[in-house]
Amino acid sequence: MSSLPVYPWHLAPTGLATRRQLRARGLRPGGQQVVAEIRRPRRGGRPPLVGYLYRVDQAKPVRPMTPGRTRSLAAALRARRICPQCRHDAGYCIPRSLGACVPCADNR
């Protein structure tokens, strides 16, 4: 059991946000520690979903994309479009579940 405060879904106090909520505001946690958890119950006896909360007032602005980071991201996304079997650009990111473009996966 954690020593962090735990809040029910949609009942977190003002001033706390998840990573996604911070990102939507153009912020990032910026090295601060998690201050609380938020839990969402699930059906079927499955364990609840847990989200970590950070203080909004201690969050820092998102770092801007530099030209080098932009080139690196473009290269990584381009590599995900290349089929490992036929070596063609599929025009979309190859699903990891298939491991190849759709035509190559269908020919197996």
C-alpha atoms as a PDB file:
ATOM      1  CA  MET A   1       0.000   0.000   0.000  1.00  0.00           C
ATOM      2  CA  SER A   2       1.353   3.388  -0.911  1.00  0.00           C
ATOM      3  CA  SER A   3       1.592   6.280   1.522  1.00  0.00           C
ATOM      4  CA  LEU A   4       0.251   8.693  -1.117  1.00  0.00           C
ATOM      5  CA  PRO A   5      -3.271  10.123  -0.837  1.00  0.00           C
ATOM      6  CA  VAL A   6      -5.719   8.224  -3.075  1.00  0.00           C
ATOM      7  CA  TYR A   7      -8.688   9.995  -4.667  1.00  0.00           C
ATOM      8  CA  PRO A   8     -11.673   8.454  -6.454  1.00  0.00           C
ATOM      9  CA  TRP A   9     -12.096   9.026 -10.188  1.00  0.00           C
ATOM     10  CA  HIS A  10     -13.098  12.643 -11.013  1.00  0.00           C
ATOM     11  CA  LEU A  11     -12.642  13.777  -7.402  1.00  0.00           C
ATOM     12  CA  ALA A  12      -9.042  14.959  -7.332  1.00  0.00           C
ATOM     13  CA  PRO A  13      -8.563  18.373  -5.717  1.00  0.00           C
ATOM     14  CA  THR A  14      -7.926  21.467  -7.799  1.00  0.00           C
ATOM     15  CA  GLY A  15      -4.248  22.066  -8.472  1.00  0.00           C
ATOM     16  CA  LEU A  16      -3.384  18.418  -9.202  1.00  0.00           C
ATOM     17  CA  ALA A  17      -3.198  16.921 -12.695  1.00  0.00           C
ATOM     18  CA  THR A  18      -2.075  13.774 -14.488  1.00  0.00           C
ATOM     19  CA  ARG A  19       0.720  13.810 -17.078  1.00  0.00           C
ATOM     20  CA  ARG A  20      -1.826  13.955 -19.898  1.00  0.00           C
ATOM     21  CA  GLN A  21      -3.657  16.847 -18.288  1.00  0.00           C
ATOM     22  CA  LEU A  22      -0.366  18.699 -17.800  1.00  0.00           C
ATOM     23  CA  ARG A  23       0.595  18.065 -21.427  1.00  0.00           C
ATOM     24  CA  ALA A  24      -2.758  19.422 -22.606  1.00  0.00           C
ATOM     25  CA  ARG A  25      -1.853  22.659 -20.809  1.00  0.00           C
ATOM     26  CA  GLY A  26       1.627  22.735 -22.368  1.00  0.00           C
ATOM     27  CA  LEU A  27       3.316  21.605 -19.141  1.00  0.00           C
ATOM     28  CA  ARG A  28       5.410  18.680 -17.889  1.00  0.00           C
ATOM     29  CA  PRO A  29       6.076  17.386 -14.343  1.00  0.00           C
ATOM     30  CA  GLY A  30       9.631  18.754 -14.480  1.00  0.00           C
ATOM     31  CA  GLY A  31      11.232  16.311 -12.045  1.00  0.00           C
ATOM     32  CA  GLN A  32       8.731  16.710  -9.227  1.00  0.00           C
ATOM     33  CA  GLN A  33       7.580  13.706  -7.236  1.00  0.00           C
ATOM     34  CA  VAL A  34       4.120  12.157  -7.527  1.00  0.00           C
ATOM     35  CA  VAL A  35       1.915  13.734  -4.838  1.00  0.00           C
ATOM     36  CA  ALA A  36      -1.242  11.593  -5.078  1.00  0.00           C
ATOM     37  CA  GLU A  37      -3.008   8.812  -6.954  1.00  0.00           C
ATOM     38  CA  ILE A  38      -6.369   8.723  -8.646  1.00  0.00           C
ATOM     39  CA  ARG A  39      -8.147   5.374  -9.022  1.00  0.00           C
ATOM     40  CA  ARG A  40     -10.786   4.349 -11.516  1.00  0.00           C
ATOM     41  CA  PRO A  41     -12.728   1.186 -10.690  1.00  0.00           C
ATOM     42  CA  ARG A  42     -13.194  -1.487 -13.350  1.00  0.00           C
ATOM     43  CA  ARG A  43     -15.755  -4.206 -13.798  1.00  0.00           C
ATOM     44  CA  GLY A  44     -15.275  -7.943 -13.600  1.00  0.00           C
ATOM     45  CA  GLY A  45     -13.093  -8.018 -10.510  1.00  0.00           C
ATOM     46  CA  ARG A  46     -10.136  -6.510 -12.386  1.00  0.00           C
ATOM     47  CA  PRO A  47      -7.803  -4.202 -10.465  1.00  0.00           C
ATOM     48  CA  PRO A  48      -8.536  -0.470 -10.710  1.00  0.00           C
ATOM     49  CA  LEU A  49      -6.726   1.817 -13.121  1.00  0.00           C
ATOM     50  CA  VAL A  50      -4.278   4.084 -11.308  1.00  0.00           C
ATOM     51  CA  GLY A  51      -3.190   7.540 -12.418  1.00  0.00           C
ATOM     52  CA  TYR A  52      -0.475   9.579 -10.763  1.00  0.00           C
ATOM     53  CA  LEU A  53      -1.096  13.222  -9.918  1.00  0.00           C
ATOM     54  CA  TYR A  54       1.383  16.105  -9.966  1.00  0.00           C
ATOM     55  CA  ARG A  55       1.141  19.668  -8.685  1.00  0.00           C
ATOM     56  CA  VAL A  56       0.261  22.106 -11.450  1.00  0.00           C
ATOM     57  CA  ASP A  57       1.988  25.037  -9.727  1.00  0.00           C
ATOM     58  CA  GLN A  58       5.337  23.179  -9.770  1.00  0.00           C
ATOM     59  CA  ALA A  59       5.028  22.007 -13.395  1.00  0.00           C
ATOM     60  CA  LYS A  60       7.388  23.403 -16.009  1.00  0.00           C
ATOM     61  CA  PRO A  61       6.738  24.333 -19.648  1.00  0.00           C
ATOM     62  CA  VAL A  62       7.212  21.607 -22.257  1.00  0.00           C
ATOM     63  CA  ARG A  63      10.598  21.818 -23.940  1.00  0.00           C
ATOM     64  CA  PRO A  64      10.312  23.059 -27.538  1.00  0.00           C
ATOM     65  CA  MET A  65      11.162  20.771 -30.447  1.00  0.00           C
ATOM     66  CA  THR A  66      14.612  21.517 -31.818  1.00  0.00           C
ATOM     67  CA  PRO A  67      15.492  20.889 -35.476  1.00  0.00           C
ATOM     68  CA  GLY A  68      17.581  17.865 -34.438  1.00  0.00           C
ATOM     69  CA  ARG A  69      14.738  16.328 -32.436  1.00  0.00           C
ATOM     70  CA  THR A  70      12.347  16.943 -35.334  1.00  0.00           C
ATOM     71  CA  ARG A  71      14.697  15.141 -37.765  1.00  0.00           C
ATOM     72  CA  SER A  72      15.166  12.266 -35.328  1.00  0.00           C
ATOM     73  CA  LEU A  73      11.413  11.831 -34.837  1.00  0.00           C
ATOM     74  CA  ALA A  74      10.820  11.923 -38.604  1.00  0.00           C
ATOM     75  CA  ALA A  75      13.486   9.227 -39.141  1.00  0.00           C
ATOM     76  CA  ALA A  76      11.974   7.002 -36.442  1.00  0.00           C
ATOM     77  CA  LEU A  77       8.472   7.306 -37.911  1.00  0.00           C
ATOM     78  CA  ARG A  78       9.814   6.666 -41.424  1.00  0.00           C
ATOM     79  CA  ALA A  79      11.504   3.471 -40.172  1.00  0.00           C
ATOM     80  CA  ARG A  80       8.179   2.248 -38.748  1.00  0.00           C
ATOM     81  CA  ARG A  81       6.628   2.511 -42.247  1.00  0.00           C
ATOM     82  CA  ILE A  82       9.233   0.249 -43.959  1.00  0.00           C
ATOM     83  CA  CYS A  83       8.088  -3.361 -44.261  1.00  0.00           C
ATOM     84  CA  PRO A  84      10.831  -5.750 -43.042  1.00  0.00           C
ATOM     85  CA  GLN A  85       9.841  -8.372 -45.653  1.00  0.00           C
ATOM     86  CA  CYS A  86       9.365  -6.443 -48.920  1.00  0.00           C
ATOM     87  CA  ARG A  87      11.384  -3.353 -47.861  1.00  0.00           C
ATOM     88  CA  HIS A  88       8.756  -0.971 -49.328  1.00  0.00           C
ATOM     89  CA  ASP A  89       7.318   2.121 -47.654  1.00  0.00           C
ATOM     90  CA  ALA A  90       3.799   1.012 -46.678  1.00  0.00           C
ATOM     91  CA  GLY A  91       2.564   4.592 -46.259  1.00  0.00           C
ATOM     92  CA  TYR A  92       1.428   3.830 -42.705  1.00  0.00           C
ATOM     93  CA  CYS A  93       3.039   2.587 -39.508  1.00  0.00           C
ATOM     94  CA  ILE A  94       3.355  -1.198 -39.676  1.00  0.00           C
ATOM     95  CA  PRO A  95       1.295  -2.791 -36.871  1.00  0.00           C
ATOM     96  CA  ARG A  96       3.514  -4.688 -34.453  1.00  0.00           C
ATOM     97  CA  SER A  97       0.876  -7.406 -34.268  1.00  0.00           C
ATOM     98  CA  LEU A  98       1.395  -8.148 -37.981  1.00  0.00           C
ATOM     99  CA  GLY A  99       5.142  -7.519 -38.142  1.00  0.00           C
ATOM    100  CA  ALA A 100       4.839  -6.668 -41.851  1.00  0.00           C
ATOM    101  CA  CYS A 101       2.681  -4.631 -44.229  1.00  0.00           C
ATOM    102  CA  VAL A 102      -0.831  -5.942 -44.825  1.00  0.00           C
ATOM    103  CA  PRO A 103      -0.094  -7.546 -48.235  1.00  0.00           C
ATOM    104  CA  CYS A 104       2.976  -9.370 -46.866  1.00  0.00           C
ATOM    105  CA  ALA A 105       1.077 -10.437 -43.747  1.00  0.00           C
ATOM    106  CA  ASP A 106      -1.793 -11.773 -45.900  1.00  0.00           C
ATOM    107  CA  ASN A 107       0.620 -13.876 -48.003  1.00  0.00           C
ATOM    108  CA  ARG A 108       1.918 -15.819 -45.006  1.00  0.00           C
END
